Amino acid sequence: MELGEEVPAAEAFLYSPLSEVSFVTDVGSINVMSEGSYDITLFVDGVEALSQLHIKDTTAPKLVLQTAETWLNKPLEASKFINFDETTDNSDAFAAEFVTEPGWSLEGEQ
């Protein structure tokens, strides 16, 4: 499942939709905002069964470039030119760098 989504219904863990199924595991205690694999216990037609729930983040972050101003000879970090949109939860996990360092001693736009 995708990071941040709700845990699917117990029926999603079955090959056959004809079985009666319920969770033994308290799926409400699973942190859906944390990637990982979680062991799930189900009750299927009166028998306990084991499964796993895999949570992965497959959605790329969305960046918004912005203009930044500074004084001559006063460098800025590359991250000052980037904003993360509201759907990007962990912007601290990203690094930004210049491919070519701007000419900090030059006046005007670059």
C-alpha atoms as a PDB file:
ATOM      1  CA  MET A   1       0.000   0.000   0.000  1.00  0.00           C
ATOM      2  CA  GLU A   2       1.067   3.609  -0.505  1.00  0.00           C
ATOM      3  CA  LEU A   3       2.523   5.548   2.405  1.00  0.00           C
ATOM      4  CA  GLY A   4      -0.209   7.504   4.205  1.00  0.00           C
ATOM      5  CA  GLU A   5      -3.172   5.540   2.840  1.00  0.00           C
ATOM      6  CA  GLU A   6      -5.662   3.718   5.043  1.00  0.00           C
ATOM      7  CA  VAL A   7      -5.058   0.038   5.765  1.00  0.00           C
ATOM      8  CA  PRO A   8      -7.147  -1.944   3.255  1.00  0.00           C
ATOM      9  CA  ALA A   9     -10.131  -4.009   4.377  1.00  0.00           C
ATOM     10  CA  ALA A  10      -9.413  -7.544   5.573  1.00  0.00           C
ATOM     11  CA  GLU A  11     -10.938  -8.935   2.346  1.00  0.00           C
ATOM     12  CA  ALA A  12      -8.075  -7.391   0.378  1.00  0.00           C
ATOM     13  CA  PHE A  13      -5.733 -10.011   1.879  1.00  0.00           C
ATOM     14  CA  LEU A  14      -7.683 -12.945   0.363  1.00  0.00           C
ATOM     15  CA  TYR A  15      -7.482 -14.720  -2.960  1.00  0.00           C
ATOM     16  CA  SER A  16     -11.122 -15.776  -2.717  1.00  0.00           C
ATOM     17  CA  PRO A  17     -13.841 -13.246  -1.913  1.00  0.00           C
ATOM     18  CA  LEU A  18     -16.083 -16.091  -0.677  1.00  0.00           C
ATOM     19  CA  SER A  19     -14.287 -16.502   2.661  1.00  0.00           C
ATOM     20  CA  GLU A  20     -15.308 -14.825   5.899  1.00  0.00           C
ATOM     21  CA  VAL A  21     -12.421 -12.758   7.186  1.00  0.00           C
ATOM     22  CA  SER A  22     -11.582 -10.332   9.980  1.00  0.00           C
ATOM     23  CA  PHE A  23      -8.434  -8.849  11.461  1.00  0.00           C
ATOM     24  CA  VAL A  24      -6.916 -10.323  14.610  1.00  0.00           C
ATOM     25  CA  THR A  25      -4.136  -7.723  14.456  1.00  0.00           C
ATOM     26  CA  ASP A  26      -5.071  -4.223  15.617  1.00  0.00           C
ATOM     27  CA  VAL A  27      -4.419  -2.549  12.257  1.00  0.00           C
ATOM     28  CA  GLY A  28      -5.233   0.811  13.816  1.00  0.00           C
ATOM     29  CA  SER A  29      -1.897   0.604  15.622  1.00  0.00           C
ATOM     30  CA  ILE A  30       0.068   0.405  12.349  1.00  0.00           C
ATOM     31  CA  ASN A  31       1.821   3.672  11.528  1.00  0.00           C
ATOM     32  CA  VAL A  32       0.761   4.173   7.906  1.00  0.00           C
ATOM     33  CA  MET A  33       3.163   7.137   7.661  1.00  0.00           C
ATOM     34  CA  SER A  34       6.192   4.866   8.117  1.00  0.00           C
ATOM     35  CA  GLU A  35       7.554   2.622   5.358  1.00  0.00           C
ATOM     36  CA  GLY A  36       8.006  -1.012   6.275  1.00  0.00           C
ATOM     37  CA  SER A  37       6.575  -4.515   6.330  1.00  0.00           C
ATOM     38  CA  TYR A  38       4.092  -5.412   9.031  1.00  0.00           C
ATOM     39  CA  ASP A  39       2.936  -8.885  10.040  1.00  0.00           C
ATOM     40  CA  ILE A  40      -0.865  -9.159   9.968  1.00  0.00           C
ATOM     41  CA  THR A  41      -2.909 -11.925  11.573  1.00  0.00           C
ATOM     42  CA  LEU A  42      -6.346 -12.615  10.065  1.00  0.00           C
ATOM     43  CA  PHE A  43      -9.195 -14.885  11.054  1.00  0.00           C
ATOM     44  CA  VAL A  44     -10.279 -16.659   7.821  1.00  0.00           C
ATOM     45  CA  ASP A  45     -13.212 -19.075   7.934  1.00  0.00           C
ATOM     46  CA  GLY A  46     -12.509 -19.804  11.598  1.00  0.00           C
ATOM     47  CA  VAL A  47      -8.749 -20.306  11.188  1.00  0.00           C
ATOM     48  CA  GLU A  48      -5.938 -17.859  11.969  1.00  0.00           C
ATOM     49  CA  ALA A  49      -3.826 -16.948   8.950  1.00  0.00           C
ATOM     50  CA  LEU A  50      -0.695 -14.841   8.623  1.00  0.00           C
ATOM     51  CA  SER A  51      -0.025 -12.210   6.004  1.00  0.00           C
ATOM     52  CA  GLN A  52       2.096  -9.103   5.562  1.00  0.00           C
ATOM     53  CA  LEU A  53       1.275  -5.503   4.805  1.00  0.00           C
ATOM     54  CA  HIS A  54       3.978  -3.652   2.849  1.00  0.00           C
ATOM     55  CA  ILE A  55       3.959   0.141   3.052  1.00  0.00           C
ATOM     56  CA  LYS A  56       6.054   1.991   0.466  1.00  0.00           C
ATOM     57  CA  ASP A  57       6.416   5.605  -0.576  1.00  0.00           C
ATOM     58  CA  THR A  58       6.221   5.633  -4.367  1.00  0.00           C
ATOM     59  CA  THR A  59       4.963   9.205  -4.795  1.00  0.00           C
ATOM     60  CA  ALA A  60       7.671  11.639  -5.876  1.00  0.00           C
ATOM     61  CA  PRO A  61       7.850  14.906  -3.950  1.00  0.00           C
ATOM     62  CA  LYS A  62       6.634  18.024  -5.719  1.00  0.00           C
ATOM     63  CA  LEU A  63       8.994  20.979  -5.769  1.00  0.00           C
ATOM     64  CA  VAL A  64       8.214  24.604  -6.535  1.00  0.00           C
ATOM     65  CA  LEU A  65      11.142  26.749  -7.639  1.00  0.00           C
ATOM     66  CA  GLN A  66      11.259  30.268  -6.293  1.00  0.00           C
ATOM     67  CA  THR A  67      13.289  33.425  -6.805  1.00  0.00           C
ATOM     68  CA  ALA A  68      15.755  34.306  -4.054  1.00  0.00           C
ATOM     69  CA  GLU A  69      17.643  37.548  -3.562  1.00  0.00           C
ATOM     70  CA  THR A  70      20.900  38.228  -1.790  1.00  0.00           C
ATOM     71  CA  TRP A  71      23.609  40.872  -1.457  1.00  0.00           C
ATOM     72  CA  LEU A  72      26.752  40.823  -3.587  1.00  0.00           C
ATOM     73  CA  ASN A  73      29.280  38.271  -2.341  1.00  0.00           C
ATOM     74  CA  LYS A  74      26.692  36.817   0.060  1.00  0.00           C
ATOM     75  CA  PRO A  75      26.110  33.191  -1.057  1.00  0.00           C
ATOM     76  CA  LEU A  76      22.802  31.420  -0.524  1.00  0.00           C
ATOM     77  CA  GLU A  77      22.243  27.694  -0.077  1.00  0.00           C
ATOM     78  CA  ALA A  78      20.574  25.971  -3.029  1.00  0.00           C
ATOM     79  CA  SER A  79      17.653  25.012  -0.775  1.00  0.00           C
ATOM     80  CA  LYS A  80      16.638  28.719  -0.610  1.00  0.00           C
ATOM     81  CA  PHE A  81      15.451  28.411  -4.225  1.00  0.00           C
ATOM     82  CA  ILE A  82      13.094  25.489  -3.503  1.00  0.00           C
ATOM     83  CA  ASN A  83       9.709  25.197  -1.803  1.00  0.00           C
ATOM     84  CA  PHE A  84       8.011  21.872  -1.211  1.00  0.00           C
ATOM     85  CA  ASP A  85       4.294  21.729  -1.840  1.00  0.00           C
ATOM     86  CA  GLU A  86       1.891  20.872   0.980  1.00  0.00           C
ATOM     87  CA  THR A  87       1.745  17.187   0.017  1.00  0.00           C
ATOM     88  CA  THR A  88       5.461  16.662   0.716  1.00  0.00           C
ATOM     89  CA  ASP A  89       5.644  15.693   4.372  1.00  0.00           C
ATOM     90  CA  ASN A  90       9.353  15.251   4.956  1.00  0.00           C
ATOM     91  CA  SER A  91      11.145  18.045   3.130  1.00  0.00           C
ATOM     92  CA  ASP A  92      14.042  17.751   5.627  1.00  0.00           C
ATOM     93  CA  ALA A  93      14.971  14.440   4.001  1.00  0.00           C
ATOM     94  CA  PHE A  94      15.999  16.128   0.734  1.00  0.00           C
ATOM     95  CA  ALA A  95      19.215  17.861  -0.229  1.00  0.00           C
ATOM     96  CA  ALA A  96      19.721  20.514  -2.889  1.00  0.00           C
ATOM     97  CA  GLU A  97      22.911  21.612  -4.578  1.00  0.00           C
ATOM     98  CA  PHE A  98      23.949  23.808  -7.485  1.00  0.00           C
ATOM     99  CA  VAL A  99      25.179  22.104 -10.660  1.00  0.00           C
ATOM    100  CA  THR A 100      27.072  25.320 -11.362  1.00  0.00           C
ATOM    101  CA  GLU A 101      27.640  27.723  -8.480  1.00  0.00           C
ATOM    102  CA  PRO A 102      26.122  31.182  -9.218  1.00  0.00           C
ATOM    103  CA  GLY A 103      28.468  34.141  -9.594  1.00  0.00           C
ATOM    104  CA  TRP A 104      27.872  35.694  -6.182  1.00  0.00           C
ATOM    105  CA  SER A 105      30.029  38.708  -7.066  1.00  0.00           C
ATOM    106  CA  LEU A 106      27.979  39.580 -10.189  1.00  0.00           C
ATOM    107  CA  GLU A 107      25.108  42.059 -10.127  1.00  0.00           C
ATOM    108  CA  GLY A 108      21.731  41.268 -11.675  1.00  0.00           C
ATOM    109  CA  GLU A 109      19.684  38.180 -12.336  1.00  0.00           C
ATOM    110  CA  GLN A 110      21.359  34.870 -13.035  1.00  0.00           C
END
